[in-house]
Amino acid sequence: LRGAGHSLTRISLTKVLYFPWVLKVLWAPLVDRTGTKRCW
């Protein structure tokens, strides 16, 4: 993205897209208690 001309601010803001990893504790019980690991 830097080579494509995007600013450092815009590039750094893509880190916000990691946020599902912060929230995964909210849906972990659903994965753990429903269905099988193969299906997930």
PDB file of all heavy atoms in Angstrom:
ATOM      1  N   LEU A   1       0.821  -1.209   0.000  1.00  0.00           N
ATOM      2  CA  LEU A   1       0.000   0.000   0.000  1.00  0.00           C
ATOM      3  C   LEU A   1       0.858   1.263   0.000  1.00  0.00           C
ATOM      4  O   LEU A   1       0.490   2.265  -0.608  1.00  0.00           O
ATOM      5  CB  LEU A   1      -0.936  -0.002   1.220  1.00  0.00           C
ATOM      6  CG  LEU A   1      -2.027  -1.080   1.228  1.00  0.00           C
ATOM      7  CD1 LEU A   1      -2.822  -1.021   2.529  1.00  0.00           C
ATOM      8  CD2 LEU A   1      -2.967  -0.939   0.039  1.00  0.00           C
ATOM      9  N   ARG A   2       2.014   1.216   0.683  1.00  0.00           N
ATOM     10  CA  ARG A   2       2.912   2.373   0.663  1.00  0.00           C
ATOM     11  C   ARG A   2       3.437   2.609  -0.755  1.00  0.00           C
ATOM     12  O   ARG A   2       3.514   3.750  -1.229  1.00  0.00           O
ATOM     13  CB  ARG A   2       4.080   2.142   1.624  1.00  0.00           C
ATOM     14  CG  ARG A   2       5.050   3.327   1.725  1.00  0.00           C
ATOM     15  CD  ARG A   2       4.369   4.556   2.297  1.00  0.00           C
ATOM     16  NE  ARG A   2       5.325   5.611   2.613  1.00  0.00           N
ATOM     17  CZ  ARG A   2       4.965   6.826   3.009  1.00  0.00           C
ATOM     18  NH1 ARG A   2       3.688   7.151   3.128  1.00  0.00           N
ATOM     19  NH2 ARG A   2       5.886   7.730   3.290  1.00  0.00           N
ATOM     20  N   GLY A   3       3.776   1.516  -1.434  1.00  0.00           N
ATOM     21  CA  GLY A   3       4.218   1.635  -2.811  1.00  0.00           C
ATOM     22  C   GLY A   3       3.137   2.139  -3.739  1.00  0.00           C
ATOM     23  O   GLY A   3       3.430   2.753  -4.781  1.00  0.00           O
ATOM     24  N   ALA A   4       1.868   1.909  -3.368  1.00  0.00           N
ATOM     25  CA  ALA A   4       0.741   2.386  -4.174  1.00  0.00           C
ATOM     26  C   ALA A   4       0.385   3.838  -3.858  1.00  0.00           C
ATOM     27  O   ALA A   4      -0.567   4.381  -4.436  1.00  0.00           O
ATOM     28  CB  ALA A   4      -0.479   1.501  -3.953  1.00  0.00           C
ATOM     29  N   GLY A   5       1.114   4.460  -2.914  1.00  0.00           N
ATOM     30  CA  GLY A   5       0.917   5.871  -2.636  1.00  0.00           C
ATOM     31  C   GLY A   5       0.046   6.196  -1.450  1.00  0.00           C
ATOM     32  O   GLY A   5      -0.281   7.363  -1.225  1.00  0.00           O
ATOM     33  N   HIS A   6      -0.344   5.215  -0.638  1.00  0.00           N
ATOM     34  CA  HIS A   6      -1.191   5.485   0.526  1.00  0.00           C
ATOM     35  C   HIS A   6      -0.351   6.065   1.668  1.00  0.00           C
ATOM     36  O   HIS A   6       0.837   5.756   1.811  1.00  0.00           O
ATOM     37  CB  HIS A   6      -1.888   4.202   0.985  1.00  0.00           C
ATOM     38  CG  HIS A   6      -2.897   3.685   0.008  1.00  0.00           C
ATOM     39  ND1 HIS A   6      -4.152   4.209  -0.112  1.00  0.00           N
ATOM     40  CD2 HIS A   6      -2.827   2.686  -0.919  1.00  0.00           C
ATOM     41  CE1 HIS A   6      -4.836   3.552  -1.053  1.00  0.00           C
ATOM     42  NE2 HIS A   6      -4.033   2.629  -1.565  1.00  0.00           N
ATOM     43  N   SER A   7      -0.983   6.891   2.511  1.00  0.00           N
ATOM     44  CA  SER A   7      -0.285   7.543   3.615  1.00  0.00           C
ATOM     45  C   SER A   7      -0.009   6.551   4.741  1.00  0.00           C
ATOM     46  O   SER A   7      -0.666   5.505   4.860  1.00  0.00           O
ATOM     47  CB  SER A   7      -1.123   8.699   4.164  1.00  0.00           C
ATOM     48  OG  SER A   7      -2.269   8.207   4.827  1.00  0.00           O
ATOM     49  N   LEU A   8       0.961   6.897   5.594  1.00  0.00           N
ATOM     50  CA  LEU A   8       1.257   6.056   6.752  1.00  0.00           C
ATOM     51  C   LEU A   8       0.077   5.985   7.702  1.00  0.00           C
ATOM     52  O   LEU A   8      -0.163   4.958   8.350  1.00  0.00           O
ATOM     53  CB  LEU A   8       2.491   6.599   7.482  1.00  0.00           C
ATOM     54  CG  LEU A   8       3.807   6.542   6.712  1.00  0.00           C
ATOM     55  CD1 LEU A   8       4.920   7.188   7.528  1.00  0.00           C
ATOM     56  CD2 LEU A   8       4.172   5.123   6.352  1.00  0.00           C
ATOM     57  N   THR A   9      -0.674   7.068   7.805  1.00  0.00           N
ATOM     58  CA  THR A   9      -1.863   7.067   8.663  1.00  0.00           C
ATOM     59  C   THR A   9      -2.870   6.037   8.188  1.00  0.00           C
ATOM     60  O   THR A   9      -3.394   5.242   8.984  1.00  0.00           O
ATOM     61  CB  THR A   9      -2.513   8.465   8.670  1.00  0.00           C
ATOM     62  OG1 THR A   9      -1.566   9.421   9.160  1.00  0.00           O
ATOM     63  CG2 THR A   9      -3.762   8.469   9.539  1.00  0.00           C
ATOM     64  N   ARG A  10      -3.136   6.023   6.892  1.00  0.00           N
ATOM     65  CA  ARG A  10      -4.104   5.061   6.345  1.00  0.00           C
ATOM     66  C   ARG A  10      -3.601   3.634   6.503  1.00  0.00           C
ATOM     67  O   ARG A  10      -4.373   2.723   6.818  1.00  0.00           O
ATOM     68  CB  ARG A  10      -4.375   5.390   4.881  1.00  0.00           C
ATOM     69  CG  ARG A  10      -5.295   4.414   4.188  1.00  0.00           C
ATOM     70  CD  ARG A  10      -5.734   4.901   2.813  1.00  0.00           C
ATOM     71  NE  ARG A  10      -6.741   5.953   2.919  1.00  0.00           N
ATOM     72  CZ  ARG A  10      -7.415   6.425   1.887  1.00  0.00           C
ATOM     73  NH1 ARG A  10      -7.174   5.962   0.663  1.00  0.00           N
ATOM     74  NH2 ARG A  10      -8.316   7.369   2.053  1.00  0.00           N
ATOM     75  N   ILE A  11      -2.305   3.428   6.302  1.00  0.00           N
ATOM     76  CA  ILE A  11      -1.745   2.082   6.449  1.00  0.00           C
ATOM     77  C   ILE A  11      -1.856   1.611   7.895  1.00  0.00           C
ATOM     78  O   ILE A  11      -2.240   0.463   8.163  1.00  0.00           O
ATOM     79  CB  ILE A  11      -0.273   2.069   5.984  1.00  0.00           C
ATOM     80  CG1 ILE A  11      -0.194   2.321   4.475  1.00  0.00           C
ATOM     81  CG2 ILE A  11       0.387   0.736   6.326  1.00  0.00           C
ATOM     82  CD1 ILE A  11       1.210   2.531   3.960  1.00  0.00           C
ATOM     83  N   SER A  12      -1.543   2.485   8.852  1.00  0.00           N
ATOM     84  CA  SER A  12      -1.620   2.095  10.264  1.00  0.00           C
ATOM     85  C   SER A  12      -3.045   1.798  10.699  1.00  0.00           C
ATOM     86  O   SER A  12      -3.283   0.936  11.550  1.00  0.00           O
ATOM     87  CB  SER A  12      -1.036   3.203  11.147  1.00  0.00           C
ATOM     88  OG  SER A  12       0.358   3.277  10.997  1.00  0.00           O
ATOM     89  N   LEU A  13      -4.008   2.499  10.131  1.00  0.00           N
ATOM     90  CA  LEU A  13      -5.400   2.279  10.518  1.00  0.00           C
ATOM     91  C   LEU A  13      -5.903   0.897  10.137  1.00  0.00           C
ATOM     92  O   LEU A  13      -6.909   0.424  10.680  1.00  0.00           O
ATOM     93  CB  LEU A  13      -6.296   3.357   9.890  1.00  0.00           C
ATOM     94  CG  LEU A  13      -6.189   4.745  10.523  1.00  0.00           C
ATOM     95  CD1 LEU A  13      -7.035   5.755   9.752  1.00  0.00           C
ATOM     96  CD2 LEU A  13      -6.609   4.717  11.994  1.00  0.00           C
ATOM     97  N   THR A  14      -5.206   0.217   9.209  1.00  0.00           N
ATOM     98  CA  THR A  14      -5.617  -1.158   8.887  1.00  0.00           C
ATOM     99  C   THR A  14      -5.431  -2.077  10.094  1.00  0.00           C
ATOM    100  O   THR A  14      -6.035  -3.155  10.146  1.00  0.00           O
ATOM    101  CB  THR A  14      -4.820  -1.713   7.693  1.00  0.00           C
ATOM    102  OG1 THR A  14      -3.429  -1.755   8.019  1.00  0.00           O
ATOM    103  CG2 THR A  14      -5.026  -0.860   6.450  1.00  0.00           C
ATOM    104  N   LYS A  15      -4.603  -1.670  11.067  1.00  0.00           N
ATOM    105  CA  LYS A  15      -4.420  -2.489  12.270  1.00  0.00           C
ATOM    106  C   LYS A  15      -5.727  -2.630  13.053  1.00  0.00           C
ATOM    107  O   LYS A  15      -5.913  -3.596  13.799  1.00  0.00           O
ATOM    108  CB  LYS A  15      -3.349  -1.872  13.172  1.00  0.00           C
ATOM    109  CG  LYS A  15      -1.976  -1.729  12.530  1.00  0.00           C
ATOM    110  CD  LYS A  15      -1.326  -3.056  12.270  1.00  0.00           C
ATOM    111  CE  LYS A  15       0.082  -2.872  11.732  1.00  0.00           C
ATOM    112  NZ  LYS A  15       0.766  -4.161  11.454  1.00  0.00           N
ATOM    113  N   VAL A  16      -6.624  -1.654  12.899  1.00  0.00           N
ATOM    114  CA  VAL A  16      -7.916  -1.738  13.585  1.00  0.00           C
ATOM    115  C   VAL A  16      -8.687  -2.971  13.131  1.00  0.00           C
ATOM    116  O   VAL A  16      -9.506  -3.519  13.874  1.00  0.00           O
ATOM    117  CB  VAL A  16      -8.732  -0.451  13.324  1.00  0.00           C
ATOM    118  CG1 VAL A  16     -10.116  -0.547  13.923  1.00  0.00           C
ATOM    119  CG2 VAL A  16      -7.993   0.759  13.884  1.00  0.00           C
ATOM    120  N   LEU A  17      -8.404  -3.448  11.929  1.00  0.00           N
ATOM    121  CA  LEU A  17      -9.115  -4.602  11.386  1.00  0.00           C
ATOM    122  C   LEU A  17      -8.734  -5.899  12.089  1.00  0.00           C
ATOM    123  O   LEU A  17      -9.354  -6.937  11.848  1.00  0.00           O
ATOM    124  CB  LEU A  17      -8.836  -4.716   9.873  1.00  0.00           C
ATOM    125  CG  LEU A  17      -9.246  -3.488   9.057  1.00  0.00           C
ATOM    126  CD1 LEU A  17      -8.847  -3.669   7.598  1.00  0.00           C
ATOM    127  CD2 LEU A  17     -10.739  -3.238   9.162  1.00  0.00           C
ATOM    128  N   TYR A  18      -7.717  -5.851  12.956  1.00  0.00           N
ATOM    129  CA  TYR A  18      -7.419  -7.004  13.810  1.00  0.00           C
ATOM    130  C   TYR A  18      -8.429  -7.159  14.945  1.00  0.00           C
ATOM    131  O   TYR A  18      -8.370  -8.126  15.704  1.00  0.00           O
ATOM    132  CB  TYR A  18      -6.034  -6.842  14.449  1.00  0.00           C
ATOM    133  CG  TYR A  18      -4.857  -7.166  13.561  1.00  0.00           C
ATOM    134  CD1 TYR A  18      -3.795  -6.277  13.465  1.00  0.00           C
ATOM    135  CD2 TYR A  18      -4.779  -8.350  12.856  1.00  0.00           C
ATOM    136  CE1 TYR A  18      -2.687  -6.561  12.670  1.00  0.00           C
ATOM    137  CE2 TYR A  18      -3.687  -8.650  12.063  1.00  0.00           C
ATOM    138  CZ  TYR A  18      -2.642  -7.746  11.975  1.00  0.00           C
ATOM    139  OH  TYR A  18      -1.553  -8.041  11.192  1.00  0.00           O
ATOM    140  N   PHE A  19      -9.346  -6.212  15.085  1.00  0.00           N
ATOM    141  CA  PHE A  19     -10.201  -6.161  16.277  1.00  0.00           C
ATOM    142  C   PHE A  19     -11.010  -7.434  16.521  1.00  0.00           C
ATOM    143  O   PHE A  19     -11.325  -7.744  17.670  1.00  0.00           O
ATOM    144  CB  PHE A  19     -11.131  -4.950  16.212  1.00  0.00           C
ATOM    145  CG  PHE A  19     -11.335  -4.300  17.543  1.00  0.00           C
ATOM    146  CD1 PHE A  19     -10.285  -3.613  18.162  1.00  0.00           C
ATOM    147  CD2 PHE A  19     -12.542  -4.389  18.200  1.00  0.00           C
ATOM    148  CE1 PHE A  19     -10.449  -3.022  19.385  1.00  0.00           C
ATOM    149  CE2 PHE A  19     -12.719  -3.798  19.436  1.00  0.00           C
ATOM    150  CZ  PHE A  19     -11.674  -3.114  20.033  1.00  0.00           C
ATOM    151  N   PRO A  20     -11.402  -8.201  15.491  1.00  0.00           N
ATOM    152  CA  PRO A  20     -12.088  -9.463  15.786  1.00  0.00           C
ATOM    153  C   PRO A  20     -11.318 -10.373  16.721  1.00  0.00           C
ATOM    154  O   PRO A  20     -11.921 -11.158  17.471  1.00  0.00           O
ATOM    155  CB  PRO A  20     -12.261 -10.090  14.395  1.00  0.00           C
ATOM    156  CG  PRO A  20     -12.359  -8.931  13.471  1.00  0.00           C
ATOM    157  CD  PRO A  20     -11.414  -7.910  14.036  1.00  0.00           C
ATOM    158  N   TRP A  21      -9.987 -10.279  16.718  1.00  0.00           N
ATOM    159  CA  TRP A  21      -9.206 -11.099  17.643  1.00  0.00           C
ATOM    160  C   TRP A  21      -9.413 -10.652  19.087  1.00  0.00           C
ATOM    161  O   TRP A  21      -9.316 -11.467  20.010  1.00  0.00           O
ATOM    162  CB  TRP A  21      -7.724 -11.021  17.281  1.00  0.00           C
ATOM    163  CG  TRP A  21      -7.404 -11.711  15.993  1.00  0.00           C
ATOM    164  CD1 TRP A  21      -7.364 -11.156  14.747  1.00  0.00           C
ATOM    165  CD2 TRP A  21      -7.095 -13.092  15.813  1.00  0.00           C
ATOM    166  NE1 TRP A  21      -7.053 -12.106  13.807  1.00  0.00           N
ATOM    167  CE2 TRP A  21      -6.877 -13.302  14.441  1.00  0.00           C
ATOM    168  CE3 TRP A  21      -6.973 -14.174  16.694  1.00  0.00           C
ATOM    169  CZ2 TRP A  21      -6.547 -14.554  13.922  1.00  0.00           C
ATOM    170  CZ3 TRP A  21      -6.639 -15.406  16.176  1.00  0.00           C
ATOM    171  CH2 TRP A  21      -6.423 -15.592  14.812  1.00  0.00           C
ATOM    172  N   VAL A  22      -9.691  -9.375  19.283  1.00  0.00           N
ATOM    173  CA  VAL A  22      -9.968  -8.877  20.623  1.00  0.00           C
ATOM    174  C   VAL A  22     -11.345  -9.332  21.092  1.00  0.00           C
ATOM    175  O   VAL A  22     -11.560  -9.629  22.270  1.00  0.00           O
ATOM    176  CB  VAL A  22      -9.879  -7.334  20.647  1.00  0.00           C
ATOM    177  CG1 VAL A  22     -10.236  -6.781  22.016  1.00  0.00           C
ATOM    178  CG2 VAL A  22      -8.478  -6.879  20.246  1.00  0.00           C
ATOM    179  N   LEU A  23     -12.278  -9.426  20.147  1.00  0.00           N
ATOM    180  CA  LEU A  23     -13.662  -9.761  20.492  1.00  0.00           C
ATOM    181  C   LEU A  23     -13.949 -11.249  20.481  1.00  0.00           C
ATOM    182  O   LEU A  23     -15.051 -11.657  20.821  1.00  0.00           O
ATOM    183  CB  LEU A  23     -14.612  -9.061  19.506  1.00  0.00           C
ATOM    184  CG  LEU A  23     -14.537  -7.534  19.451  1.00  0.00           C
ATOM    185  CD1 LEU A  23     -15.492  -7.006  18.383  1.00  0.00           C
ATOM    186  CD2 LEU A  23     -14.870  -6.925  20.805  1.00  0.00           C
ATOM    187  N   LYS A  24     -12.990 -12.078  20.096  1.00  0.00           N
ATOM    188  CA  LYS A  24     -13.286 -13.503  19.917  1.00  0.00           C
ATOM    189  C   LYS A  24     -13.720 -14.176  21.216  1.00  0.00           C
ATOM    190  O   LYS A  24     -14.402 -15.198  21.180  1.00  0.00           O
ATOM    191  CB  LYS A  24     -12.080 -14.227  19.326  1.00  0.00           C
ATOM    192  CG  LYS A  24     -10.931 -14.436  20.280  1.00  0.00           C
ATOM    193  CD  LYS A  24      -9.878 -15.352  19.668  1.00  0.00           C
ATOM    194  CE  LYS A  24      -8.816 -15.686  20.700  1.00  0.00           C
ATOM    195  NZ  LYS A  24      -7.882 -16.708  20.197  1.00  0.00           N
ATOM    196  N   VAL A  25     -13.329 -13.596  22.358  1.00  0.00           N
ATOM    197  CA  VAL A  25     -13.758 -14.173  23.627  1.00  0.00           C
ATOM    198  C   VAL A  25     -15.285 -14.168  23.748  1.00  0.00           C
ATOM    199  O   VAL A  25     -15.867 -14.977  24.475  1.00  0.00           O
ATOM    200  CB  VAL A  25     -13.115 -13.407  24.799  1.00  0.00           C
ATOM    201  CG1 VAL A  25     -13.646 -11.990  24.896  1.00  0.00           C
ATOM    202  CG2 VAL A  25     -13.298 -14.157  26.105  1.00  0.00           C
ATOM    203  N   LEU A  26     -15.960 -13.267  23.000  1.00  0.00           N
ATOM    204  CA  LEU A  26     -17.417 -13.189  23.068  1.00  0.00           C
ATOM    205  C   LEU A  26     -18.088 -14.348  22.354  1.00  0.00           C
ATOM    206  O   LEU A  26     -19.157 -14.806  22.767  1.00  0.00           O
ATOM    207  CB  LEU A  26     -17.900 -11.856  22.468  1.00  0.00           C
ATOM    208  CG  LEU A  26     -17.371 -10.580  23.136  1.00  0.00           C
ATOM    209  CD1 LEU A  26     -17.909  -9.353  22.411  1.00  0.00           C
ATOM    210  CD2 LEU A  26     -17.770 -10.558  24.608  1.00  0.00           C
ATOM    211  N   TRP A  27     -17.490 -14.819  21.246  1.00  0.00           N
ATOM    212  CA  TRP A  27     -18.127 -15.923  20.528  1.00  0.00           C
ATOM    213  C   TRP A  27     -17.427 -17.257  20.736  1.00  0.00           C
ATOM    214  O   TRP A  27     -17.812 -18.266  20.154  1.00  0.00           O
ATOM    215  CB  TRP A  27     -18.241 -15.618  19.039  1.00  0.00           C
ATOM    216  CG  TRP A  27     -17.003 -15.178  18.329  1.00  0.00           C
ATOM    217  CD1 TRP A  27     -15.945 -15.935  17.958  1.00  0.00           C
ATOM    218  CD2 TRP A  27     -16.718 -13.856  17.885  1.00  0.00           C
ATOM    219  NE1 TRP A  27     -15.001 -15.182  17.318  1.00  0.00           N
ATOM    220  CE2 TRP A  27     -15.448 -13.885  17.256  1.00  0.00           C
ATOM    221  CE3 TRP A  27     -17.395 -12.631  17.939  1.00  0.00           C
ATOM    222  CZ2 TRP A  27     -14.846 -12.762  16.696  1.00  0.00           C
ATOM    223  CZ3 TRP A  27     -16.787 -11.521  17.390  1.00  0.00           C
ATOM    224  CH2 TRP A  27     -15.547 -11.588  16.785  1.00  0.00           C
ATOM    225  N   ALA A  28     -16.396 -17.290  21.575  1.00  0.00           N
ATOM    226  CA  ALA A  28     -15.729 -18.557  21.862  1.00  0.00           C
ATOM    227  C   ALA A  28     -16.671 -19.599  22.469  1.00  0.00           C
ATOM    228  O   ALA A  28     -16.624 -20.777  22.077  1.00  0.00           O
ATOM    229  CB  ALA A  28     -14.531 -18.312  22.781  1.00  0.00           C
ATOM    230  N   PRO A  29     -17.569 -19.231  23.422  1.00  0.00           N
ATOM    231  CA  PRO A  29     -18.483 -20.254  23.953  1.00  0.00           C
ATOM    232  C   PRO A  29     -19.378 -20.869  22.880  1.00  0.00           C
ATOM    233  O   PRO A  29     -19.707 -22.059  22.945  1.00  0.00           O
ATOM    234  CB  PRO A  29     -19.311 -19.472  24.991  1.00  0.00           C
ATOM    235  CG  PRO A  29     -18.439 -18.332  25.389  1.00  0.00           C
ATOM    236  CD  PRO A  29     -17.714 -17.946  24.135  1.00  0.00           C
ATOM    237  N   LEU A  30     -19.780 -20.084  21.876  1.00  0.00           N
ATOM    238  CA  LEU A  30     -20.614 -20.619  20.802  1.00  0.00           C
ATOM    239  C   LEU A  30     -19.865 -21.692  20.021  1.00  0.00           C
ATOM    240  O   LEU A  30     -20.401 -22.773  19.732  1.00  0.00           O
ATOM    241  CB  LEU A  30     -21.045 -19.491  19.865  1.00  0.00           C
ATOM    242  CG  LEU A  30     -21.849 -19.907  18.630  1.00  0.00           C
ATOM    243  CD1 LEU A  30     -23.198 -20.471  19.032  1.00  0.00           C
ATOM    244  CD2 LEU A  30     -22.011 -18.717  17.684  1.00  0.00           C
ATOM    245  N   VAL A  31     -18.599 -21.416  19.690  1.00  0.00           N
ATOM    246  CA  VAL A  31     -17.805 -22.388  18.945  1.00  0.00           C
ATOM    247  C   VAL A  31     -17.540 -23.625  19.799  1.00  0.00           C
ATOM    248  O   VAL A  31     -17.550 -24.758  19.302  1.00  0.00           O
ATOM    249  CB  VAL A  31     -16.474 -21.754  18.497  1.00  0.00           C
ATOM    250  CG1 VAL A  31     -15.589 -22.769  17.783  1.00  0.00           C
ATOM    251  CG2 VAL A  31     -16.740 -20.555  17.587  1.00  0.00           C
ATOM    252  N   ASP A  32     -17.320 -23.415  21.083  1.00  0.00           N
ATOM    253  CA  ASP A  32     -16.946 -24.512  21.966  1.00  0.00           C
ATOM    254  C   ASP A  32     -18.118 -25.422  22.290  1.00  0.00           C
ATOM    255  O   ASP A  32     -17.933 -26.609  22.549  1.00  0.00           O
ATOM    256  CB  ASP A  32     -16.358 -23.944  23.258  1.00  0.00           C
ATOM    257  CG  ASP A  32     -15.535 -24.976  24.011  1.00  0.00           C
ATOM    258  OD1 ASP A  32     -14.853 -25.786  23.348  1.00  0.00           O
ATOM    259  OD2 ASP A  32     -15.558 -24.972  25.249  1.00  0.00           O
ATOM    260  N   ARG A  33     -19.347 -24.883  22.262  1.00  0.00           N
ATOM    261  CA  ARG A  33     -20.505 -25.635  22.760  1.00  0.00           C
ATOM    262  C   ARG A  33     -21.496 -26.044  21.683  1.00  0.00           C
ATOM    263  O   ARG A  33     -22.472 -26.725  21.971  1.00  0.00           O
ATOM    264  CB  ARG A  33     -21.244 -24.813  23.839  1.00  0.00           C
ATOM    265  CG  ARG A  33     -20.386 -24.540  25.068  1.00  0.00           C
ATOM    266  CD  ARG A  33     -21.120 -23.659  26.075  1.00  0.00           C
ATOM    267  NE  ARG A  33     -20.280 -23.325  27.217  1.00  0.00           N
ATOM    268  CZ  ARG A  33     -20.124 -24.101  28.285  1.00  0.00           C
ATOM    269  NH1 ARG A  33     -20.771 -25.253  28.354  1.00  0.00           N
ATOM    270  NH2 ARG A  33     -19.334 -23.734  29.266  1.00  0.00           N
ATOM    271  N   THR A  34     -21.313 -25.633  20.442  1.00  0.00           N
ATOM    272  CA  THR A  34     -22.242 -26.017  19.381  1.00  0.00           C
ATOM    273  C   THR A  34     -21.479 -26.625  18.214  1.00  0.00           C
ATOM    274  O   THR A  34     -20.365 -26.201  17.899  1.00  0.00           O
ATOM    275  CB  THR A  34     -23.049 -24.809  18.866  1.00  0.00           C
ATOM    276  OG1 THR A  34     -22.156 -23.834  18.313  1.00  0.00           O
ATOM    277  CG2 THR A  34     -23.845 -24.171  19.990  1.00  0.00           C
ATOM    278  N   GLY A  35     -22.089 -27.605  17.583  1.00  0.00           N
ATOM    279  CA  GLY A  35     -21.483 -28.225  16.425  1.00  0.00           C
ATOM    280  C   GLY A  35     -20.224 -28.995  16.775  1.00  0.00           C
ATOM    281  O   GLY A  35     -19.922 -29.291  17.932  1.00  0.00           O
ATOM    282  N   THR A  36     -19.452 -29.368  15.748  1.00  0.00           N
ATOM    283  CA  THR A  36     -18.193 -30.080  15.935  1.00  0.00           C
ATOM    284  C   THR A  36     -17.050 -29.224  15.429  1.00  0.00           C
ATOM    285  O   THR A  36     -17.236 -28.303  14.635  1.00  0.00           O
ATOM    286  CB  THR A  36     -18.194 -31.413  15.168  1.00  0.00           C
ATOM    287  OG1 THR A  36     -18.298 -31.144  13.763  1.00  0.00           O
ATOM    288  CG2 THR A  36     -19.365 -32.290  15.602  1.00  0.00           C
ATOM    289  N   LYS A  37     -15.847 -29.556  15.894  1.00  0.00           N
ATOM    290  CA  LYS A  37     -14.688 -28.802  15.447  1.00  0.00           C
ATOM    291  C   LYS A  37     -14.468 -28.968  13.944  1.00  0.00           C
ATOM    292  O   LYS A  37     -14.033 -28.034  13.269  1.00  0.00           O
ATOM    293  CB  LYS A  37     -13.437 -29.256  16.217  1.00  0.00           C
ATOM    294  CG  LYS A  37     -13.515 -28.984  17.709  1.00  0.00           C
ATOM    295  CD  LYS A  37     -13.649 -27.491  17.977  1.00  0.00           C
ATOM    296  CE  LYS A  37     -13.712 -27.187  19.461  1.00  0.00           C
ATOM    297  NZ  LYS A  37     -14.981 -27.616  20.071  1.00  0.00           N
ATOM    298  N   ARG A  38     -14.782 -30.155  13.402  1.00  0.00           N
ATOM    299  CA  ARG A  38     -14.613 -30.350  11.968  1.00  0.00           C
ATOM    300  C   ARG A  38     -15.499 -29.383  11.184  1.00  0.00           C
ATOM    301  O   ARG A  38     -15.052 -28.762  10.210  1.00  0.00           O
ATOM    302  CB  ARG A  38     -14.942 -31.792  11.583  1.00  0.00           C
ATOM    303  CG  ARG A  38     -14.592 -32.104  10.114  1.00  0.00           C
ATOM    304  CD  ARG A  38     -15.245 -33.407   9.654  1.00  0.00           C
ATOM    305  NE  ARG A  38     -14.847 -34.536  10.459  1.00  0.00           N
ATOM    306  CZ  ARG A  38     -13.769 -35.277  10.240  1.00  0.00           C
ATOM    307  NH1 ARG A  38     -12.960 -34.974   9.241  1.00  0.00           N
ATOM    308  NH2 ARG A  38     -13.499 -36.316  11.009  1.00  0.00           N
ATOM    309  N   CYS A  39     -16.759 -29.248  11.599  1.00  0.00           N
ATOM    310  CA  CYS A  39     -17.680 -28.355  10.889  1.00  0.00           C
ATOM    311  C   CYS A  39     -17.202 -26.907  10.950  1.00  0.00           C
ATOM    312  O   CYS A  39     -17.226 -26.186   9.944  1.00  0.00           O
ATOM    313  CB  CYS A  39     -19.083 -28.482  11.469  1.00  0.00           C
ATOM    314  SG  CYS A  39     -19.885 -30.057  11.114  1.00  0.00           S
ATOM    315  N   TRP A  40     -16.774 -26.468  12.145  1.00  0.00           N
ATOM    316  CA  TRP A  40     -16.297 -25.091  12.274  1.00  0.00           C
ATOM    317  C   TRP A  40     -15.046 -24.855  11.438  1.00  0.00           C
ATOM    318  O   TRP A  40     -14.899 -23.810  10.799  1.00  0.00           O
ATOM    319  CB  TRP A  40     -16.016 -24.770  13.747  1.00  0.00           C
ATOM    320  CG  TRP A  40     -17.237 -24.474  14.556  1.00  0.00           C
ATOM    321  CD1 TRP A  40     -17.833 -25.272  15.481  1.00  0.00           C
ATOM    322  CD2 TRP A  40     -18.031 -23.285  14.495  1.00  0.00           C
ATOM    323  NE1 TRP A  40     -18.935 -24.668  16.003  1.00  0.00           N
ATOM    324  CE2 TRP A  40     -19.092 -23.439  15.426  1.00  0.00           C
ATOM    325  CE3 TRP A  40     -17.955 -22.110  13.757  1.00  0.00           C
ATOM    326  CZ2 TRP A  40     -20.056 -22.463  15.632  1.00  0.00           C
ATOM    327  CZ3 TRP A  40     -18.914 -21.130  13.958  1.00  0.00           C
ATOM    328  CH2 TRP A  40     -19.948 -21.308  14.888  1.00  0.00           C
TER     329      TRP A  40
END
